[in-house]
């Protein structure tokens, strides 16, 4: 999994982290979220 663009504040749930990443990357955000979901489910 690629490092997040910003350091996570304190410790947040992975789901919220994925949502934040999706907001930061509007282009291809959904694809990135799907990849994150695959990684988290694996």
N, C-alpha and C. Protein backbone atom coordinates (compact mmCIF):
# COMPACT_ATOMS: atom_id res chain seq x y z
N UNK A 1 0.86 -1.19 0.00
CA UNK A 1 0.00 0.00 0.00
C UNK A 1 0.89 1.24 0.00
N UNK A 2 0.63 2.17 -0.91
CA UNK A 2 1.46 3.38 -0.98
C UNK A 2 1.26 4.24 0.26
N UNK A 3 2.29 4.98 0.67
CA UNK A 3 2.16 5.83 1.86
C UNK A 3 1.15 6.94 1.64
N UNK A 4 0.43 7.33 2.68
CA UNK A 4 -0.57 8.38 2.54
C UNK A 4 0.13 9.70 2.26
N UNK A 5 -0.52 10.56 1.48
CA UNK A 5 0.07 11.87 1.17
C UNK A 5 0.30 12.70 2.43
N UNK A 6 -0.58 12.55 3.41
CA UNK A 6 -0.42 13.29 4.67
C UNK A 6 -0.30 12.30 5.82
N UNK A 7 0.47 12.63 6.84
CA UNK A 7 0.56 11.74 8.00
C UNK A 7 -0.77 11.66 8.71
N UNK A 8 -1.22 10.47 9.08
CA UNK A 8 -2.52 10.31 9.74
C UNK A 8 -2.52 10.95 11.12
N UNK A 9 -3.52 11.77 11.42
CA UNK A 9 -3.61 12.39 12.74
C UNK A 9 -3.94 11.36 13.81
N UNK A 10 -3.12 11.28 14.86
CA UNK A 10 -3.30 10.29 15.93
C UNK A 10 -3.52 8.92 15.27
N UNK A 11 -4.60 8.22 15.59
CA UNK A 11 -4.88 6.95 14.92
C UNK A 11 -6.34 6.93 14.51
N UNK A 12 -6.57 6.86 13.20
CA UNK A 12 -7.95 6.87 12.70
C UNK A 12 -8.24 5.53 12.04
N UNK A 13 -9.50 5.12 12.00
CA UNK A 13 -9.87 3.86 11.35
C UNK A 13 -9.47 3.86 9.89
N UNK A 14 -9.13 2.69 9.37
CA UNK A 14 -8.71 2.57 7.97
C UNK A 14 -9.81 3.06 7.03
N UNK A 15 -11.07 2.84 7.39
CA UNK A 15 -12.16 3.24 6.50
C UNK A 15 -12.16 4.75 6.32
N UNK A 16 -11.99 5.49 7.42
CA UNK A 16 -11.96 6.96 7.32
C UNK A 16 -10.73 7.38 6.53
N UNK A 17 -9.61 6.70 6.75
CA UNK A 17 -8.38 7.02 6.02
C UNK A 17 -8.63 6.87 4.52
N UNK A 18 -9.28 5.79 4.12
CA UNK A 18 -9.57 5.55 2.71
C UNK A 18 -10.46 6.66 2.16
N UNK A 19 -11.46 7.09 2.95
CA UNK A 19 -12.36 8.16 2.50
C UNK A 19 -11.57 9.44 2.29
N UNK A 20 -10.67 9.76 3.23
CA UNK A 20 -9.88 10.98 3.12
C UNK A 20 -9.00 10.93 1.87
N UNK A 21 -8.39 9.77 1.62
CA UNK A 21 -7.54 9.63 0.43
C UNK A 21 -8.39 9.85 -0.82
N UNK A 22 -9.62 9.32 -0.82
CA UNK A 22 -10.51 9.50 -1.96
C UNK A 22 -10.82 10.97 -2.19
N UNK A 23 -10.99 11.72 -1.10
CA UNK A 23 -11.27 13.15 -1.24
C UNK A 23 -10.05 13.88 -1.80
N UNK A 24 -8.86 13.49 -1.36
CA UNK A 24 -7.64 14.15 -1.80
C UNK A 24 -7.36 13.85 -3.27
N UNK A 25 -7.81 12.69 -3.76
CA UNK A 25 -7.55 12.32 -5.15
C UNK A 25 -8.88 12.13 -5.88
N UNK A 26 -9.52 13.24 -6.30
CA UNK A 26 -10.80 13.13 -7.00
C UNK A 26 -10.67 12.34 -8.29
N UNK A 27 -9.52 12.49 -8.98
CA UNK A 27 -9.32 11.74 -10.23
C UNK A 27 -8.79 10.36 -9.88
N UNK A 28 -9.57 9.33 -10.22
CA UNK A 28 -9.16 7.97 -9.90
C UNK A 28 -9.34 7.66 -8.43
N UNK A 29 -10.08 8.50 -7.72
CA UNK A 29 -10.29 8.26 -6.29
C UNK A 29 -11.02 6.95 -6.04
N UNK A 30 -12.06 6.69 -6.85
CA UNK A 30 -12.84 5.46 -6.65
C UNK A 30 -11.96 4.24 -6.89
N UNK A 31 -11.14 4.29 -7.94
CA UNK A 31 -10.27 3.15 -8.23
C UNK A 31 -9.32 2.92 -7.06
N UNK A 32 -8.79 4.02 -6.52
CA UNK A 32 -7.85 3.89 -5.40
C UNK A 32 -8.55 3.28 -4.20
N UNK A 33 -9.80 3.70 -3.96
CA UNK A 33 -10.55 3.17 -2.81
C UNK A 33 -10.80 1.68 -3.01
N UNK A 34 -11.07 1.28 -4.25
CA UNK A 34 -11.29 -0.16 -4.51
C UNK A 34 -10.01 -0.93 -4.21
N UNK A 35 -8.87 -0.38 -4.62
CA UNK A 35 -7.60 -1.05 -4.35
C UNK A 35 -7.38 -1.15 -2.84
N UNK A 36 -7.67 -0.07 -2.12
CA UNK A 36 -7.51 -0.09 -0.66
C UNK A 36 -8.42 -1.14 -0.06
N UNK A 37 -9.66 -1.23 -0.55
CA UNK A 37 -10.61 -2.21 -0.02
C UNK A 37 -10.06 -3.62 -0.22
N UNK A 38 -9.49 -3.88 -1.41
CA UNK A 38 -8.92 -5.20 -1.68
C UNK A 38 -7.81 -5.50 -0.68
N UNK A 39 -6.94 -4.51 -0.47
CA UNK A 39 -5.80 -4.72 0.44
C UNK A 39 -6.30 -4.97 1.85
N UNK A 40 -7.31 -4.22 2.27
CA UNK A 40 -7.81 -4.36 3.64
C UNK A 40 -8.53 -5.69 3.83
N UNK A 41 -9.23 -6.15 2.80
CA UNK A 41 -9.97 -7.42 2.91
C UNK A 41 -9.01 -8.60 2.89
N UNK A 42 -7.92 -8.46 2.15
CA UNK A 42 -6.98 -9.57 2.02
C UNK A 42 -6.37 -9.94 3.37
